[in-house]
């Protein structure tokens, strides 16, 4: 079981918020050490694209699978940390 990390940059809650975003082009972006949901022509101030909503849905299969959501958040968090964020 994947435990949540209170010091994580990318969390399961971030991914859940991305899944719940109304905009089909929504994406999770890291900018200045914080993640946020961006869509449309909003360029997020040059932040780093973490994952798009479409890619997240494709990776999860079943959007209601909380275990898979936590696992994916841990992988994305690790990837971002490896980049030095």
Protein backbone atom coordinates (compact mmCIF):
# COMPACT_ATOMS: atom_id res chain seq x y z
CA UNK A 1 0.00 0.00 0.00
CA UNK A 2 1.30 3.45 -0.90
CA UNK A 3 1.36 5.80 2.06
CA UNK A 4 0.68 9.46 1.49
CA UNK A 5 3.62 11.75 2.06
CA UNK A 6 2.69 15.04 3.68
CA UNK A 7 5.83 16.60 2.16
CA UNK A 8 5.10 15.43 -1.37
CA UNK A 9 5.05 17.92 -4.20
CA UNK A 10 2.50 15.89 -6.18
CA UNK A 11 -0.27 14.30 -4.14
CA UNK A 12 -3.26 12.07 -4.75
CA UNK A 13 -5.45 15.11 -4.03
CA UNK A 14 -3.72 17.03 -6.86
CA UNK A 15 -4.49 14.21 -9.28
CA UNK A 16 -8.07 13.95 -8.05
CA UNK A 17 -8.46 17.72 -8.62
CA UNK A 18 -7.12 17.30 -12.16
CA UNK A 19 -9.57 14.46 -12.82
CA UNK A 20 -12.42 16.63 -11.54
CA UNK A 21 -11.43 19.61 -13.71
CA UNK A 22 -14.15 20.57 -16.18
CA UNK A 23 -11.79 21.66 -18.97
CA UNK A 24 -10.82 18.79 -21.27
CA UNK A 25 -7.39 20.37 -21.83
CA UNK A 26 -6.66 20.73 -18.10
CA UNK A 27 -3.14 19.92 -16.97
CA UNK A 28 -1.17 19.76 -13.75
CA UNK A 29 1.73 22.21 -13.81
CA UNK A 30 4.58 22.79 -11.36
CA UNK A 31 5.59 26.43 -11.08
CA UNK A 32 7.77 27.97 -8.38
CA UNK A 33 7.53 24.86 -6.21
CA UNK A 34 3.74 24.69 -6.29
CA UNK A 35 1.38 22.63 -8.41
CA UNK A 36 -1.76 23.96 -9.98
CA UNK A 37 -4.38 23.13 -12.56
CA UNK A 38 -4.16 25.12 -15.80
CA UNK A 39 -6.17 24.99 -19.00
CA UNK A 40 -6.72 26.78 -22.27
CA UNK A 41 -4.12 29.33 -23.29
CA UNK A 42 -2.96 29.73 -19.69
CA UNK A 43 0.76 28.99 -20.03
CA UNK A 44 1.31 28.69 -16.24
CA UNK A 45 4.14 31.21 -16.35
CA UNK A 46 6.56 28.77 -17.93
CA UNK A 47 6.04 26.05 -15.35
CA UNK A 48 6.78 22.36 -15.86
CA UNK A 49 4.00 20.19 -17.23
CA UNK A 50 3.51 17.29 -14.81
CA UNK A 51 0.64 15.51 -16.55
CA UNK A 52 -2.36 16.37 -18.67
CA UNK A 53 -5.86 15.31 -17.73
CA UNK A 54 -6.06 13.13 -20.86
CA UNK A 55 -2.79 11.35 -19.99
CA UNK A 56 -3.93 10.89 -16.39
CA UNK A 57 -7.21 9.29 -17.47
CA UNK A 58 -5.29 7.07 -19.91
CA UNK A 59 -2.83 6.00 -17.20
CA UNK A 60 -5.47 5.23 -14.60
CA UNK A 61 -7.97 3.25 -16.59
CA UNK A 62 -10.56 3.39 -13.78
CA UNK A 63 -10.61 6.98 -12.45
CA UNK A 64 -12.16 5.72 -9.20
CA UNK A 65 -9.19 3.48 -8.33
CA UNK A 66 -7.78 5.30 -5.30
CA UNK A 67 -4.84 2.89 -4.91
CA UNK A 68 -3.72 3.46 -8.50
CA UNK A 69 -4.18 7.21 -8.05
CA UNK A 70 -1.88 7.16 -4.99
CA UNK A 71 0.71 5.07 -6.84
CA UNK A 72 0.73 7.42 -9.81
CA UNK A 73 1.04 10.46 -7.53
CA UNK A 74 4.10 8.84 -5.89
CA UNK A 75 5.69 8.13 -9.29
CA UNK A 76 5.07 11.68 -10.55
CA UNK A 77 6.35 13.13 -7.28
CA UNK A 78 9.53 11.06 -7.59
CA UNK A 79 10.00 12.16 -11.23
CA UNK A 80 9.64 15.82 -10.26
CA UNK A 81 12.12 15.43 -7.39
CA UNK A 82 14.63 13.81 -9.76
CA UNK A 83 14.42 16.97 -11.85
CA UNK A 84 15.54 18.90 -8.79
CA UNK A 85 12.23 20.48 -7.85
